[in-house]
PDB file of N, CA and C in Angstrom:
ATOM      1  N   MET A   1       0.843  -1.170   0.000  1.00  0.00           N
ATOM      2  CA  MET A   1       0.000   0.000   0.000  1.00  0.00           C
ATOM      3  C   MET A   1       0.893   1.240   0.000  1.00  0.00           C
ATOM      4  N   VAL A   2       0.506   2.209  -0.770  1.00  0.00           N
ATOM      5  CA  VAL A   2       1.279   3.432  -0.918  1.00  0.00           C
ATOM      6  C   VAL A   2       0.389   4.616  -0.594  1.00  0.00           C
ATOM      7  N   ASP A   3       0.880   5.569   0.228  1.00  0.00           N
ATOM      8  CA  ASP A   3       0.094   6.753   0.521  1.00  0.00           C
ATOM      9  C   ASP A   3       0.549   7.947  -0.317  1.00  0.00           C
ATOM     10  N   ASN A   4       1.336   7.691  -1.345  1.00  0.00           N
ATOM     11  CA  ASN A   4       1.852   8.738  -2.208  1.00  0.00           C
ATOM     12  C   ASN A   4       1.278   8.545  -3.611  1.00  0.00           C
ATOM     13  N   GLN A   5       0.277   9.360  -3.951  1.00  0.00           N
ATOM     14  CA  GLN A   5      -0.373   9.211  -5.254  1.00  0.00           C
ATOM     15  C   GLN A   5       0.575   9.546  -6.394  1.00  0.00           C
ATOM     16  N   ALA A   6       1.540  10.433  -6.150  1.00  0.00           N
ATOM     17  CA  ALA A   6       2.521  10.751  -7.191  1.00  0.00           C
ATOM     18  C   ALA A   6       3.368   9.527  -7.517  1.00  0.00           C
ATOM     19  N   ALA A   7       3.724   8.743  -6.510  1.00  0.00           N
ATOM     20  CA  ALA A   7       4.516   7.527  -6.744  1.00  0.00           C
ATOM     21  C   ALA A   7       3.752   6.550  -7.622  1.00  0.00           C
ATOM     22  N   ILE A   8       2.458   6.429  -7.389  1.00  0.00           N
ATOM     23  CA  ILE A   8       1.639   5.532  -8.201  1.00  0.00           C
ATOM     24  C   ILE A   8       1.546   6.053  -9.631  1.00  0.00           C
ATOM     25  N   ALA A   9       1.335   7.362  -9.788  1.00  0.00           N
ATOM     26  CA  ALA A   9       1.228   7.951 -11.128  1.00  0.00           C
ATOM     27  C   ALA A   9       2.525   7.778 -11.909  1.00  0.00           C
ATOM     28  N   ILE A  10       3.658   8.004 -11.254  1.00  0.00           N
ATOM     29  CA  ILE A  10       4.955   7.863 -11.923  1.00  0.00           C
ATOM     30  C   ILE A  10       5.198   6.418 -12.333  1.00  0.00           C
ATOM     31  N   SER A  11       4.801   5.483 -11.475  1.00  0.00           N
ATOM     32  CA  SER A  11       5.039   4.078 -11.801  1.00  0.00           C
ATOM     33  C   SER A  11       4.217   3.628 -12.999  1.00  0.00           C
ATOM     34  N   LYS A  12       3.078   4.280 -13.232  1.00  0.00           N
ATOM     35  CA  LYS A  12       2.203   3.892 -14.342  1.00  0.00           C
ATOM     36  C   LYS A  12       2.489   4.661 -15.626  1.00  0.00           C
ATOM     37  N   ASN A  13       3.170   5.812 -15.527  1.00  0.00           N
ATOM     38  CA  ASN A  13       3.373   6.658 -16.693  1.00  0.00           C
ATOM     39  C   ASN A  13       4.829   7.110 -16.780  1.00  0.00           C
ATOM     40  N   PRO A  14       5.706   6.348 -17.428  1.00  0.00           N
ATOM     41  CA  PRO A  14       7.119   6.697 -17.509  1.00  0.00           C
ATOM     42  C   PRO A  14       7.397   8.032 -18.186  1.00  0.00           C
ATOM     43  N   VAL A  15       6.521   8.504 -19.054  1.00  0.00           N
ATOM     44  CA  VAL A  15       6.715   9.779 -19.741  1.00  0.00           C
ATOM     45  C   VAL A  15       6.711  10.923 -18.739  1.00  0.00           C
ATOM     46  N   PHE A  16       6.019  10.756 -17.650  1.00  0.00           N
ATOM     47  CA  PHE A  16       5.885  11.767 -16.610  1.00  0.00           C
ATOM     48  C   PHE A  16       7.212  12.054 -15.915  1.00  0.00           C
ATOM     49  N   HIS A  17       8.225  11.190 -16.071  1.00  0.00           N
ATOM     50  CA  HIS A  17       9.473  11.309 -15.336  1.00  0.00           C
ATOM     51  C   HIS A  17      10.306  12.532 -15.685  1.00  0.00           C
ATOM     52  N   GLY A  18      10.147  13.121 -16.853  1.00  0.00           N
ATOM     53  CA  GLY A  18      10.954  14.266 -17.236  1.00  0.00           C
ATOM     54  C   GLY A  18      10.831  15.435 -16.285  1.00  0.00           C
ATOM     55  N   LYS A  19       9.707  15.584 -15.642  1.00  0.00           N
ATOM     56  CA  LYS A  19       9.477  16.709 -14.732  1.00  0.00           C
ATOM     57  C   LYS A  19       9.635  16.314 -13.268  1.00  0.00           C
ATOM     58  N   THR A  20      10.129  15.135 -13.010  1.00  0.00           N
ATOM     59  CA  THR A  20      10.167  14.644 -11.634  1.00  0.00           C
ATOM     60  C   THR A  20      11.564  14.208 -11.215  1.00  0.00           C
ATOM     61  N   LYS A  21      12.571  14.960 -11.596  1.00  0.00           N
ATOM     62  CA  LYS A  21      13.939  14.576 -11.274  1.00  0.00           C
ATOM     63  C   LYS A  21      14.204  14.566  -9.770  1.00  0.00           C
ATOM     64  N   HIS A  22      13.399  15.291  -9.014  1.00  0.00           N
ATOM     65  CA  HIS A  22      13.613  15.364  -7.571  1.00  0.00           C
ATOM     66  C   HIS A  22      13.102  14.130  -6.829  1.00  0.00           C
ATOM     67  N   PHE A  23      12.385  13.250  -7.501  1.00  0.00           N
ATOM     68  CA  PHE A  23      11.886  12.044  -6.844  1.00  0.00           C
ATOM     69  C   PHE A  23      13.032  11.075  -6.583  1.00  0.00           C
ATOM     70  N   SER A  24      12.917  10.328  -5.524  1.00  0.00           N
ATOM     71  CA  SER A  24      14.006   9.444  -5.105  1.00  0.00           C
ATOM     72  C   SER A  24      14.054   8.152  -5.921  1.00  0.00           C
ATOM     73  N   ILE A  25      15.133   7.449  -5.747  1.00  0.00           N
ATOM     74  CA  ILE A  25      15.348   6.161  -6.407  1.00  0.00           C
ATOM     75  C   ILE A  25      14.230   5.182  -6.051  1.00  0.00           C
ATOM     76  N   LYS A  26      13.677   5.323  -4.845  1.00  0.00           N
ATOM     77  CA  LYS A  26      12.613   4.424  -4.386  1.00  0.00           C
ATOM     78  C   LYS A  26      11.456   4.394  -5.382  1.00  0.00           C
ATOM     79  N   LEU A  27      11.099   5.536  -5.942  1.00  0.00           N
ATOM     80  CA  LEU A  27       9.974   5.590  -6.867  1.00  0.00           C
ATOM     81  C   LEU A  27      10.286   4.874  -8.175  1.00  0.00           C
ATOM     82  N   PHE A  28      11.523   4.957  -8.613  1.00  0.00           N
ATOM     83  CA  PHE A  28      11.908   4.251  -9.830  1.00  0.00           C
ATOM     84  C   PHE A  28      11.925   2.740  -9.588  1.00  0.00           C
ATOM     85  N   PHE A  29      12.334   2.349  -8.383  1.00  0.00           N
ATOM     86  CA  PHE A  29      12.281   0.934  -8.009  1.00  0.00           C
ATOM     87  C   PHE A  29      10.837   0.446  -8.037  1.00  0.00           C
ATOM     88  N   LEU A  30       9.914   1.239  -7.477  1.00  0.00           N
ATOM     89  CA  LEU A  30       8.496   0.868  -7.484  1.00  0.00           C
ATOM     90  C   LEU A  30       7.983   0.695  -8.906  1.00  0.00           C
ATOM     91  N   ARG A  31       8.394   1.584  -9.797  1.00  0.00           N
ATOM     92  CA  ARG A  31       7.967   1.477 -11.193  1.00  0.00           C
ATOM     93  C   ARG A  31       8.430   0.164 -11.806  1.00  0.00           C
ATOM     94  N   ASP A  32       9.681  -0.183 -11.547  1.00  0.00           N
ATOM     95  CA  ASP A  32      10.240  -1.407 -12.133  1.00  0.00           C
ATOM     96  C   ASP A  32       9.555  -2.665 -11.613  1.00  0.00           C
ATOM     97  N   VAL A  33       9.331  -2.744 -10.302  1.00  0.00           N
ATOM     98  CA  VAL A  33       8.709  -3.962  -9.769  1.00  0.00           C
ATOM     99  C   VAL A  33       7.239  -4.056 -10.151  1.00  0.00           C
ATOM    100  N   GLN A  34       6.583  -2.908 -10.343  1.00  0.00           N
ATOM    101  CA  GLN A  34       5.193  -2.953 -10.804  1.00  0.00           C
ATOM    102  C   GLN A  34       5.143  -3.399 -12.266  1.00  0.00           C
ATOM    103  N   LYS A  35       6.055  -2.866 -13.070  1.00  0.00           N
ATOM    104  CA  LYS A  35       6.101  -3.230 -14.485  1.00  0.00           C
ATOM    105  C   LYS A  35       6.367  -4.725 -14.663  1.00  0.00           C
ATOM    106  N   ASP A  36       7.213  -5.285 -13.794  1.00  0.00           N
ATOM    107  CA  ASP A  36       7.531  -6.718 -13.850  1.00  0.00           C
ATOM    108  C   ASP A  36       6.406  -7.587 -13.305  1.00  0.00           C
ATOM    109  N   GLY A  37       5.395  -6.968 -12.694  1.00  0.00           N
ATOM    110  CA  GLY A  37       4.274  -7.721 -12.141  1.00  0.00           C
ATOM    111  C   GLY A  37       4.538  -8.287 -10.756  1.00  0.00           C
ATOM    112  N   ASP A  38       5.626  -7.847 -10.113  1.00  0.00           N
ATOM    113  CA  ASP A  38       5.956  -8.342  -8.777  1.00  0.00           C
ATOM    114  C   ASP A  38       5.050  -7.748  -7.701  1.00  0.00           C
ATOM    115  N   VAL A  39       4.578  -6.521  -7.920  1.00  0.00           N
ATOM    116  CA  VAL A  39       3.686  -5.860  -6.962  1.00  0.00           C
ATOM    117  C   VAL A  39       2.586  -5.128  -7.711  1.00  0.00           C
ATOM    118  N   CYS A  40       1.517  -4.847  -7.003  1.00  0.00           N
ATOM    119  CA  CYS A  40       0.427  -4.027  -7.528  1.00  0.00           C
ATOM    120  C   CYS A  40       0.249  -2.871  -6.553  1.00  0.00           C
ATOM    121  N   LEU A  41       0.518  -1.649  -6.999  1.00  0.00           N
ATOM    122  CA  LEU A  41       0.427  -0.493  -6.116  1.00  0.00           C
ATOM    123  C   LEU A  41      -1.022  -0.049  -5.971  1.00  0.00           C
ATOM    124  N   LYS A  42      -1.448   0.121  -4.733  1.00  0.00           N
ATOM    125  CA  LYS A  42      -2.791   0.603  -4.437  1.00  0.00           C
ATOM    126  C   LYS A  42      -2.680   1.748  -3.458  1.00  0.00           C
ATOM    127  N   TYR A  43      -3.522   2.748  -3.641  1.00  0.00           N
ATOM    128  CA  TYR A  43      -3.507   3.902  -2.755  1.00  0.00           C
ATOM    129  C   TYR A  43      -4.089   3.535  -1.399  1.00  0.00           C
ATOM    130  N   CYS A  44      -3.457   4.027  -0.363  1.00  0.00           N
ATOM    131  CA  CYS A  44      -3.924   3.830   1.012  1.00  0.00           C
ATOM    132  C   CYS A  44      -3.802   5.173   1.719  1.00  0.00           C
ATOM    133  N   LYS A  45      -4.904   5.668   2.269  1.00  0.00           N
ATOM    134  CA  LYS A  45      -4.871   6.955   2.962  1.00  0.00           C
ATOM    135  C   LYS A  45      -3.838   6.915   4.085  1.00  0.00           C
ATOM    136  N   THR A  46      -3.222   8.054   4.347  1.00  0.00           N
ATOM    137  CA  THR A  46      -2.206   8.146   5.387  1.00  0.00           C
ATOM    138  C   THR A  46      -2.730   7.644   6.723  1.00  0.00           C
ATOM    139  N   GLU A  47      -3.962   7.986   7.058  1.00  0.00           N
ATOM    140  CA  GLU A  47      -4.501   7.577   8.364  1.00  0.00           C
ATOM    141  C   GLU A  47      -4.755   6.072   8.457  1.00  0.00           C
ATOM    142  N   ASP A  48      -4.730   5.372   7.330  1.00  0.00           N
ATOM    143  CA  ASP A  48      -4.940   3.923   7.330  1.00  0.00           C
ATOM    144  C   ASP A  48      -3.636   3.128   7.229  1.00  0.00           C
ATOM    145  N   GLN A  49      -2.500   3.803   7.231  1.00  0.00           N
ATOM    146  CA  GLN A  49      -1.207   3.129   7.088  1.00  0.00           C
ATOM    147  C   GLN A  49      -0.832   2.398   8.373  1.00  0.00           C
ATOM    148  N   LEU A  50      -0.949   1.095   8.365  1.00  0.00           N
ATOM    149  CA  LEU A  50      -0.604   0.305   9.541  1.00  0.00           C
ATOM    150  C   LEU A  50       0.893   0.357   9.846  1.00  0.00           C
ATOM    151  N   SER A  51       1.707   0.582   8.838  1.00  0.00           N
ATOM    152  CA  SER A  51       3.157   0.587   9.054  1.00  0.00           C
ATOM    153  C   SER A  51       3.617   1.759   9.913  1.00  0.00           C
ATOM    154  N   ASP A  52       2.773   2.778  10.102  1.00  0.00           N
ATOM    155  CA  ASP A  52       3.151   3.914  10.940  1.00  0.00           C
ATOM    156  C   ASP A  52       3.546   3.475  12.344  1.00  0.00           C
ATOM    157  N   ILE A  53       2.941   2.412  12.825  1.00  0.00           N
ATOM    158  CA  ILE A  53       3.240   1.929  14.175  1.00  0.00           C
ATOM    159  C   ILE A  53       4.709   1.525  14.296  1.00  0.00           C
ATOM    160  N   PHE A  54       5.333   1.146  13.187  1.00  0.00           N
ATOM    161  CA  PHE A  54       6.732   0.719  13.198  1.00  0.00           C
ATOM    162  C   PHE A  54       7.702   1.845  12.849  1.00  0.00           C
ATOM    163  N   THR A  55       7.195   2.953  12.300  1.00  0.00           N
ATOM    164  CA  THR A  55       8.097   3.970  11.762  1.00  0.00           C
ATOM    165  C   THR A  55       7.971   5.343  12.401  1.00  0.00           C
ATOM    166  N   LYS A  56       6.963   5.574  13.236  1.00  0.00           N
ATOM    167  CA  LYS A  56       6.737   6.913  13.780  1.00  0.00           C
ATOM    168  C   LYS A  56       6.408   6.856  15.266  1.00  0.00           C
ATOM    169  N   ALA A  57       6.722   7.958  15.952  1.00  0.00           N
ATOM    170  CA  ALA A  57       6.243   8.128  17.320  1.00  0.00           C
ATOM    171  C   ALA A  57       4.785   8.565  17.206  1.00  0.00           C
ATOM    172  N   LEU A  58       3.896   7.858  17.880  1.00  0.00           N
ATOM    173  CA  LEU A  58       2.465   8.113  17.739  1.00  0.00           C
ATOM    174  C   LEU A  58       1.843   8.449  19.086  1.00  0.00           C
ATOM    175  N   PRO A  59       0.762   9.248  19.058  1.00  0.00           N
ATOM    176  CA  PRO A  59       0.003   9.452  20.290  1.00  0.00           C
ATOM    177  C   PRO A  59      -0.572   8.110  20.755  1.00  0.00           C
ATOM    178  N   LYS A  60      -0.834   8.000  22.051  1.00  0.00           N
ATOM    179  CA  LYS A  60      -1.280   6.737  22.633  1.00  0.00           C
ATOM    180  C   LYS A  60      -2.510   6.168  21.928  1.00  0.00           C
ATOM    181  N   GLY A  61      -3.515   7.005  21.666  1.00  0.00           N
ATOM    182  CA  GLY A  61      -4.742   6.528  21.024  1.00  0.00           C
ATOM    183  C   GLY A  61      -4.496   5.958  19.635  1.00  0.00           C
ATOM    184  N   ARG A  62      -3.681   6.633  18.857  1.00  0.00           N
ATOM    185  CA  ARG A  62      -3.354   6.173  17.497  1.00  0.00           C
ATOM    186  C   ARG A  62      -2.571   4.855  17.556  1.00  0.00           C
ATOM    187  N   PHE A  63      -1.611   4.802  18.480  1.00  0.00           N
ATOM    188  CA  PHE A  63      -0.820   3.585  18.657  1.00  0.00           C
ATOM    189  C   PHE A  63      -1.718   2.401  19.000  1.00  0.00           C
ATOM    190  N   GLU A  64      -2.622   2.604  19.944  1.00  0.00           N
ATOM    191  CA  GLU A  64      -3.513   1.518  20.361  1.00  0.00           C
ATOM    192  C   GLU A  64      -4.441   1.081  19.234  1.00  0.00           C
ATOM    193  N   LEU A  65      -4.927   2.030  18.434  1.00  0.00           N
ATOM    194  CA  LEU A  65      -5.790   1.694  17.297  1.00  0.00           C
ATOM    195  C   LEU A  65      -5.044   0.832  16.279  1.00  0.00           C
ATOM    196  N   LEU A  66      -3.844   1.253  15.913  1.00  0.00           N
ATOM    197  CA  LEU A  66      -3.060   0.494  14.933  1.00  0.00           C
ATOM    198  C   LEU A  66      -2.654  -0.869  15.486  1.00  0.00           C
ATOM    199  N   ARG A  67      -2.310  -0.899  16.766  1.00  0.00           N
ATOM    200  CA  ARG A  67      -1.957  -2.175  17.399  1.00  0.00           C
ATOM    201  C   ARG A  67      -3.137  -3.144  17.351  1.00  0.00           C
ATOM    202  N   GLU A  68      -4.330  -2.620  17.597  1.00  0.00           N
ATOM    203  CA  GLU A  68      -5.538  -3.454  17.544  1.00  0.00           C
ATOM    204  C   GLU A  68      -5.784  -3.971  16.126  1.00  0.00           C
ATOM    205  N   LYS A  69      -5.599  -3.094  15.118  1.00  0.00           N
ATOM    206  CA  LYS A  69      -5.799  -3.510  13.726  1.00  0.00           C
ATOM    207  C   LYS A  69      -4.817  -4.606  13.315  1.00  0.00           C
ATOM    208  N   LEU A  70      -3.634  -4.594  13.914  1.00  0.00           N
ATOM    209  CA  LEU A  70      -2.630  -5.621  13.620  1.00  0.00           C
ATOM    210  C   LEU A  70      -2.881  -6.912  14.396  1.00  0.00           C
ATOM    211  N   GLY A  71      -3.821  -6.859  15.346  1.00  0.00           N
ATOM    212  CA  GLY A  71      -4.131  -8.052  16.131  1.00  0.00           C
ATOM    213  C   GLY A  71      -3.129  -8.325  17.234  1.00  0.00           C
ATOM    214  N   ILE A  72      -2.474  -7.278  17.726  1.00  0.00           N
ATOM    215  CA  ILE A  72      -1.474  -7.417  18.782  1.00  0.00           C
ATOM    216  C   ILE A  72      -2.096  -6.954  20.095  1.00  0.00           C
ATOM    217  N   SER A  73      -1.830  -7.693  21.169  1.00  0.00           N
ATOM    218  CA  SER A  73      -2.370  -7.300  22.473  1.00  0.00           C
ATOM    219  C   SER A  73      -1.250  -7.170  23.500  1.00  0.00           C
ATOM    220  N   ASN A  74      -1.597  -6.616  24.658  1.00  0.00           N
ATOM    221  CA  ASN A  74      -0.626  -6.458  25.744  1.00  0.00           C
ATOM    222  C   ASN A  74      -0.270  -7.781  26.398  1.00  0.00           C
ATOM    223  N   TYR A  75      -1.083  -8.774  26.257  1.00  0.00           N
ATOM    224  CA  TYR A  75      -0.943  -9.994  27.050  1.00  0.00           C
ATOM    225  C   TYR A  75      -0.297 -11.103  26.278  1.00  0.00           C
TER     226      TYR A  75
END
């Protein structure tokens, strides 16, 4: 899941790259693996990104919500 719509657009339209030199290598990697059929990029709203629990400091409520969605408990 990707929360960057520009990354999805670039991966689907290589002609668009001429104006996007500032994009990182990661986006070009995404384009290649999508083109090869290894992955299918789908948009996921930022607030629905479960991976945030592993990559960001979160307020307690947000942390608990994401932890619950992952099926992880305190016990």
